[in-house]
PDB file of N, CA and C in Angstrom:
ATOM      1  N   LEU A   1      34.011 -33.157  32.568  1.00  0.00           N
ATOM      2  CA  LEU A   1      32.729 -32.411  31.643  1.00  0.00           C
ATOM      3  C   LEU A   1      32.868 -30.833  32.314  1.00  0.00           C
ATOM      4  N   LEU A   2      32.962 -30.079  31.218  1.00  0.00           N
ATOM      5  CA  LEU A   2      33.147 -28.677  31.543  1.00  0.00           C
ATOM      6  C   LEU A   2      31.908 -27.856  30.899  1.00  0.00           C
ATOM      7  N   LYS A   3      31.244 -27.096  31.888  1.00  0.00           N
ATOM      8  CA  LYS A   3      29.923 -26.201  31.190  1.00  0.00           C
ATOM      9  C   LYS A   3      30.304 -24.924  31.491  1.00  0.00           C
ATOM     10  N   PRO A   4      30.138 -24.252  30.513  1.00  0.00           N
ATOM     11  CA  PRO A   4      30.390 -22.732  30.619  1.00  0.00           C
ATOM     12  C   PRO A   4      29.015 -22.056  31.593  1.00  0.00           C
ATOM     13  N   LEU A   5      29.554 -21.122  32.184  1.00  0.00           N
ATOM     14  CA  LEU A   5      28.316 -20.350  33.034  1.00  0.00           C
ATOM     15  C   LEU A   5      27.053 -19.800  32.354  1.00  0.00           C
ATOM     16  N   GLN A   6      27.516 -19.081  31.054  1.00  0.00           N
ATOM     17  CA  GLN A   6      26.667 -18.575  30.168  1.00  0.00           C
ATOM     18  C   GLN A   6      25.654 -19.255  28.802  1.00  0.00           C
ATOM     19  N   SER A   7      26.088 -20.463  28.889  1.00  0.00           N
ATOM     20  CA  SER A   7      25.764 -21.245  27.731  1.00  0.00           C
ATOM     21  C   SER A   7      25.267 -22.783  28.181  1.00  0.00           C
ATOM     22  N   ASN A   8      24.649 -23.560  27.222  1.00  0.00           N
ATOM     23  CA  ASN A   8      24.538 -24.769  27.361  1.00  0.00           C
ATOM     24  C   ASN A   8      25.351 -25.869  26.497  1.00  0.00           C
ATOM     25  N   ILE A   9      26.432 -25.373  26.468  1.00  0.00           N
ATOM     26  CA  ILE A   9      27.319 -26.251  25.582  1.00  0.00           C
ATOM     27  C   ILE A   9      28.211 -26.856  26.408  1.00  0.00           C
ATOM     28  N   TYR A  10      28.315 -28.287  26.574  1.00  0.00           N
ATOM     29  CA  TYR A  10      29.328 -29.059  27.193  1.00  0.00           C
ATOM     30  C   TYR A  10      30.516 -29.314  26.387  1.00  0.00           C
ATOM     31  N   LYS A  11      31.705 -29.570  27.243  1.00  0.00           N
ATOM     32  CA  LYS A  11      32.919 -29.858  26.582  1.00  0.00           C
ATOM     33  C   LYS A  11      33.356 -30.849  27.261  1.00  0.00           C
ATOM     34  N   VAL A  12      33.736 -31.979  26.735  1.00  0.00           N
ATOM     35  CA  VAL A  12      34.073 -33.470  27.301  1.00  0.00           C
ATOM     36  C   VAL A  12      35.693 -33.161  26.694  1.00  0.00           C
ATOM     37  N   PHE A  13      36.578 -33.517  27.740  1.00  0.00           N
ATOM     38  CA  PHE A  13      38.060 -33.761  27.387  1.00  0.00           C
ATOM     39  C   PHE A  13      38.443 -34.656  28.170  1.00  0.00           C
ATOM     40  N   LEU A  14      39.130 -35.913  27.225  1.00  0.00           N
ATOM     41  CA  LEU A  14      39.631 -36.939  27.873  1.00  0.00           C
ATOM     42  C   LEU A  14      41.054 -37.453  27.582  1.00  0.00           C
ATOM     43  N   GLY A  15      41.966 -37.708  28.433  1.00  0.00           N
ATOM     44  CA  GLY A  15      43.136 -37.966  28.295  1.00  0.00           C
ATOM     45  C   GLY A  15      43.758 -39.362  28.224  1.00  0.00           C
ATOM     46  N   PHE A  16      44.593 -40.175  27.301  1.00  0.00           N
ATOM     47  CA  PHE A  16      44.811 -41.310  27.575  1.00  0.00           C
ATOM     48  C   PHE A  16      46.140 -41.682  27.370  1.00  0.00           C
ATOM     49  N   SER A  17      46.727 -42.370  28.110  1.00  0.00           N
ATOM     50  CA  SER A  17      48.293 -42.595  28.206  1.00  0.00           C
ATOM     51  C   SER A  17      48.559 -43.459  27.220  1.00  0.00           C
ATOM     52  N   SER A  18      47.756 -44.396  26.560  1.00  0.00           N
ATOM     53  CA  SER A  18      48.206 -44.932  25.288  1.00  0.00           C
ATOM     54  C   SER A  18      47.126 -45.320  24.520  1.00  0.00           C
ATOM     55  N   ARG A  19      47.633 -45.890  23.342  1.00  0.00           N
ATOM     56  CA  ARG A  19      46.285 -46.255  22.388  1.00  0.00           C
ATOM     57  C   ARG A  19      45.349 -47.424  23.005  1.00  0.00           C
ATOM     58  N   LYS A  20      46.086 -48.132  23.617  1.00  0.00           N
ATOM     59  CA  LYS A  20      45.236 -49.433  24.202  1.00  0.00           C
ATOM     60  C   LYS A  20      44.374 -48.789  25.347  1.00  0.00           C
ATOM     61  N   ALA A  21      44.729 -47.880  26.055  1.00  0.00           N
ATOM     62  CA  ALA A  21      43.922 -47.017  27.071  1.00  0.00           C
ATOM     63  C   ALA A  21      42.620 -46.804  26.285  1.00  0.00           C
ATOM     64  N   TYR A  22      43.123 -45.884  25.275  1.00  0.00           N
ATOM     65  CA  TYR A  22      41.897 -45.510  24.572  1.00  0.00           C
ATOM     66  C   TYR A  22      40.781 -46.608  24.208  1.00  0.00           C
ATOM     67  N   GLU A  23      41.172 -47.602  23.461  1.00  0.00           N
ATOM     68  CA  GLU A  23      40.555 -48.670  22.914  1.00  0.00           C
ATOM     69  C   GLU A  23      39.925 -49.071  24.076  1.00  0.00           C
ATOM     70  N   ASP A  24      40.392 -49.482  25.194  1.00  0.00           N
ATOM     71  CA  ASP A  24      39.717 -49.974  26.282  1.00  0.00           C
ATOM     72  C   ASP A  24      38.670 -49.138  26.844  1.00  0.00           C
ATOM     73  N   TYR A  25      38.771 -47.900  26.820  1.00  0.00           N
ATOM     74  CA  TYR A  25      37.809 -46.907  27.195  1.00  0.00           C
ATOM     75  C   TYR A  25      36.688 -46.885  26.131  1.00  0.00           C
ATOM     76  N   LYS A  26      36.752 -47.178  24.787  1.00  0.00           N
ATOM     77  CA  LYS A  26      35.667 -47.374  23.903  1.00  0.00           C
ATOM     78  C   LYS A  26      35.118 -48.502  23.937  1.00  0.00           C
ATOM     79  N   LYS A  27      35.470 -49.640  24.792  1.00  0.00           N
ATOM     80  CA  LYS A  27      34.721 -50.743  25.076  1.00  0.00           C
ATOM     81  C   LYS A  27      34.190 -50.898  26.423  1.00  0.00           C
ATOM     82  N   SER A  28      34.255 -49.758  27.318  1.00  0.00           N
ATOM     83  CA  SER A  28      33.723 -49.631  28.651  1.00  0.00           C
ATOM     84  C   SER A  28      31.998 -49.172  28.754  1.00  0.00           C
ATOM     85  N   SER A  29      31.579 -49.457  29.759  1.00  0.00           N
ATOM     86  CA  SER A  29      30.071 -49.146  29.907  1.00  0.00           C
ATOM     87  C   SER A  29      30.197 -47.732  29.952  1.00  0.00           C
ATOM     88  N   VAL A  30      31.188 -46.940  30.439  1.00  0.00           N
ATOM     89  CA  VAL A  30      31.024 -45.551  30.616  1.00  0.00           C
ATOM     90  C   VAL A  30      30.860 -44.916  29.191  1.00  0.00           C
ATOM     91  N   PHE A  31      31.599 -45.319  28.402  1.00  0.00           N
ATOM     92  CA  PHE A  31      31.613 -44.779  27.054  1.00  0.00           C
ATOM     93  C   PHE A  31      30.126 -45.139  26.407  1.00  0.00           C
ATOM     94  N   ARG A  32      29.753 -46.456  26.377  1.00  0.00           N
ATOM     95  CA  ARG A  32      28.335 -47.046  25.970  1.00  0.00           C
ATOM     96  C   ARG A  32      27.464 -46.063  26.391  1.00  0.00           C
ATOM     97  N   GLU A  33      27.363 -46.040  27.584  1.00  0.00           N
ATOM     98  CA  GLU A  33      26.019 -45.401  28.272  1.00  0.00           C
ATOM     99  C   GLU A  33      25.935 -43.898  28.036  1.00  0.00           C
ATOM    100  N   HIS A  34      27.058 -43.114  27.901  1.00  0.00           N
ATOM    101  CA  HIS A  34      27.352 -41.781  27.979  1.00  0.00           C
ATOM    102  C   HIS A  34      27.854 -40.876  26.690  1.00  0.00           C
ATOM    103  N   PHE A  35      28.572 -41.579  25.782  1.00  0.00           N
ATOM    104  CA  PHE A  35      29.319 -41.103  25.010  1.00  0.00           C
ATOM    105  C   PHE A  35      29.320 -41.825  23.571  1.00  0.00           C
ATOM    106  N   SER A  36      28.457 -42.873  23.422  1.00  0.00           N
ATOM    107  CA  SER A  36      28.583 -43.578  22.245  1.00  0.00           C
ATOM    108  C   SER A  36      27.674 -42.751  21.234  1.00  0.00           C
ATOM    109  N   LYS A  37      27.631 -42.881  19.776  1.00  0.00           N
ATOM    110  CA  LYS A  37      26.675 -42.350  18.978  1.00  0.00           C
ATOM    111  C   LYS A  37      25.076 -42.508  19.321  1.00  0.00           C
ATOM    112  N   GLU A  38      25.057 -43.867  20.279  1.00  0.00           N
ATOM    113  CA  GLU A  38      23.492 -43.941  20.425  1.00  0.00           C
ATOM    114  C   GLU A  38      23.276 -42.969  21.552  1.00  0.00           C
ATOM    115  N   ALA A  39      24.169 -43.011  22.579  1.00  0.00           N
ATOM    116  CA  ALA A  39      24.065 -42.236  23.903  1.00  0.00           C
ATOM    117  C   ALA A  39      23.875 -40.586  23.581  1.00  0.00           C
ATOM    118  N   VAL A  40      24.686 -40.144  22.602  1.00  0.00           N
ATOM    119  CA  VAL A  40      24.443 -38.738  22.236  1.00  0.00           C
ATOM    120  C   VAL A  40      23.679 -38.208  21.295  1.00  0.00           C
ATOM    121  N   ARG A  41      22.784 -39.057  20.471  1.00  0.00           N
ATOM    122  CA  ARG A  41      21.865 -38.783  19.622  1.00  0.00           C
ATOM    123  C   ARG A  41      20.960 -37.788  19.994  1.00  0.00           C
ATOM    124  N   PRO A  42      20.515 -37.584  21.111  1.00  0.00           N
ATOM    125  CA  PRO A  42      19.639 -36.391  21.611  1.00  0.00           C
ATOM    126  C   PRO A  42      20.269 -35.139  21.181  1.00  0.00           C
ATOM    127  N   LEU A  43      21.589 -35.044  21.165  1.00  0.00           N
ATOM    128  CA  LEU A  43      22.483 -33.960  21.377  1.00  0.00           C
ATOM    129  C   LEU A  43      23.099 -33.626  19.821  1.00  0.00           C
ATOM    130  N   ALA A  44      23.305 -32.453  19.471  1.00  0.00           N
ATOM    131  CA  ALA A  44      24.119 -31.984  18.284  1.00  0.00           C
ATOM    132  C   ALA A  44      25.596 -31.901  18.966  1.00  0.00           C
ATOM    133  N   GLY A  45      26.696 -31.942  17.975  1.00  0.00           N
ATOM    134  CA  GLY A  45      27.999 -31.900  18.542  1.00  0.00           C
ATOM    135  C   GLY A  45      28.991 -32.181  17.617  1.00  0.00           C
ATOM    136  N   SER A  46      29.978 -31.775  17.998  1.00  0.00           N
ATOM    137  CA  SER A  46      31.287 -32.120  17.002  1.00  0.00           C
ATOM    138  C   SER A  46      32.514 -32.696  18.010  1.00  0.00           C
ATOM    139  N   SER A  47      33.353 -33.414  17.314  1.00  0.00           N
ATOM    140  CA  SER A  47      34.374 -34.273  18.169  1.00  0.00           C
ATOM    141  C   SER A  47      35.707 -34.155  17.328  1.00  0.00           C
ATOM    142  N   SER A  48      36.720 -34.553  17.940  1.00  0.00           N
ATOM    143  CA  SER A  48      38.120 -34.557  17.183  1.00  0.00           C
ATOM    144  C   SER A  48      38.902 -35.639  17.942  1.00  0.00           C
ATOM    145  N   ALA A  49      39.515 -36.343  17.346  1.00  0.00           N
ATOM    146  CA  ALA A  49      40.385 -37.351  18.208  1.00  0.00           C
ATOM    147  C   ALA A  49      41.978 -37.040  17.960  1.00  0.00           C
ATOM    148  N   HIS A  50      42.819 -37.173  18.674  1.00  0.00           N
ATOM    149  CA  HIS A  50      44.169 -36.838  18.646  1.00  0.00           C
ATOM    150  C   HIS A  50      44.847 -38.153  19.130  1.00  0.00           C
ATOM    151  N   ALA A  51      46.321 -37.888  19.096  1.00  0.00           N
ATOM    152  CA  ALA A  51      47.129 -39.082  19.249  1.00  0.00           C
ATOM    153  C   ALA A  51      46.831 -39.582  20.767  1.00  0.00           C
ATOM    154  N   SER A  52      46.434 -38.579  21.628  1.00  0.00           N
ATOM    155  CA  SER A  52      46.442 -38.897  23.178  1.00  0.00           C
ATOM    156  C   SER A  52      45.277 -38.410  23.895  1.00  0.00           C
ATOM    157  N   TYR A  53      44.330 -37.747  23.151  1.00  0.00           N
ATOM    158  CA  TYR A  53      43.133 -37.419  23.710  1.00  0.00           C
ATOM    159  C   TYR A  53      41.975 -37.204  22.953  1.00  0.00           C
ATOM    160  N   LEU A  54      40.614 -37.272  23.313  1.00  0.00           N
ATOM    161  CA  LEU A  54      39.402 -37.286  22.705  1.00  0.00           C
ATOM    162  C   LEU A  54      38.976 -35.940  23.037  1.00  0.00           C
ATOM    163  N   GLU A  55      38.417 -35.327  22.189  1.00  0.00           N
ATOM    164  CA  GLU A  55      37.715 -33.956  22.589  1.00  0.00           C
ATOM    165  C   GLU A  55      36.171 -33.846  22.019  1.00  0.00           C
ATOM    166  N   GLN A  56      35.377 -33.486  22.796  1.00  0.00           N
ATOM    167  CA  GLN A  56      33.697 -33.828  22.184  1.00  0.00           C
ATOM    168  C   GLN A  56      32.958 -32.396  22.719  1.00  0.00           C
ATOM    169  N   PHE A  57      32.353 -31.929  22.041  1.00  0.00           N
ATOM    170  CA  PHE A  57      31.286 -30.595  22.314  1.00  0.00           C
ATOM    171  C   PHE A  57      29.842 -31.345  22.296  1.00  0.00           C
ATOM    172  N   PHE A  58      28.988 -30.857  23.036  1.00  0.00           N
ATOM    173  CA  PHE A  58      27.619 -31.295  22.977  1.00  0.00           C
ATOM    174  C   PHE A  58      26.745 -30.027  23.275  1.00  0.00           C
ATOM    175  N   TYR A  59      25.693 -29.956  22.445  1.00  0.00           N
ATOM    176  CA  TYR A  59      24.982 -29.069  23.093  1.00  0.00           C
ATOM    177  C   TYR A  59      23.128 -29.450  22.594  1.00  0.00           C
ATOM    178  N   PRO A  60      22.152 -29.004  23.280  1.00  0.00           N
ATOM    179  CA  PRO A  60      21.022 -29.522  23.061  1.00  0.00           C
ATOM    180  C   PRO A  60      20.261 -29.097  21.643  1.00  0.00           C
ATOM    181  N   ILE A  61      19.635 -29.992  21.318  1.00  0.00           N
ATOM    182  CA  ILE A  61      19.379 -29.600  19.925  1.00  0.00           C
ATOM    183  C   ILE A  61      17.702 -28.994  20.131  1.00  0.00           C
ATOM    184  N   SER A  62      17.637 -27.719  19.633  1.00  0.00           N
ATOM    185  CA  SER A  62      16.548 -26.952  19.895  1.00  0.00           C
ATOM    186  C   SER A  62      15.333 -27.600  18.962  1.00  0.00           C
ATOM    187  N   GLU A  63      14.273 -27.108  19.449  1.00  0.00           N
ATOM    188  CA  GLU A  63      12.894 -27.587  18.752  1.00  0.00           C
ATOM    189  C   GLU A  63      13.098 -27.174  17.346  1.00  0.00           C
ATOM    190  N   GLU A  64      13.630 -25.880  17.115  1.00  0.00           N
ATOM    191  CA  GLU A  64      13.531 -25.117  15.809  1.00  0.00           C
ATOM    192  C   GLU A  64      14.340 -26.122  14.779  1.00  0.00           C
ATOM    193  N   GLU A  65      15.401 -26.534  15.293  1.00  0.00           N
ATOM    194  CA  GLU A  65      16.403 -26.989  14.215  1.00  0.00           C
ATOM    195  C   GLU A  65      15.866 -28.310  13.828  1.00  0.00           C
TER     196      GLU A  65
END
């Protein structure tokens, strides 16, 4: 988890050695508790999935949005 010094946008970058490792991660409690759609619902964000890694950006949803 990377957080810039002057912002409240978090970047999550996870690498996987294989598709099976990625699928196992998606079934894990770490994913369910921190990165599933339900877990990140209070945050706005974007994500991109590639062959060997998953990249997600999260930032708090302001009261004005």
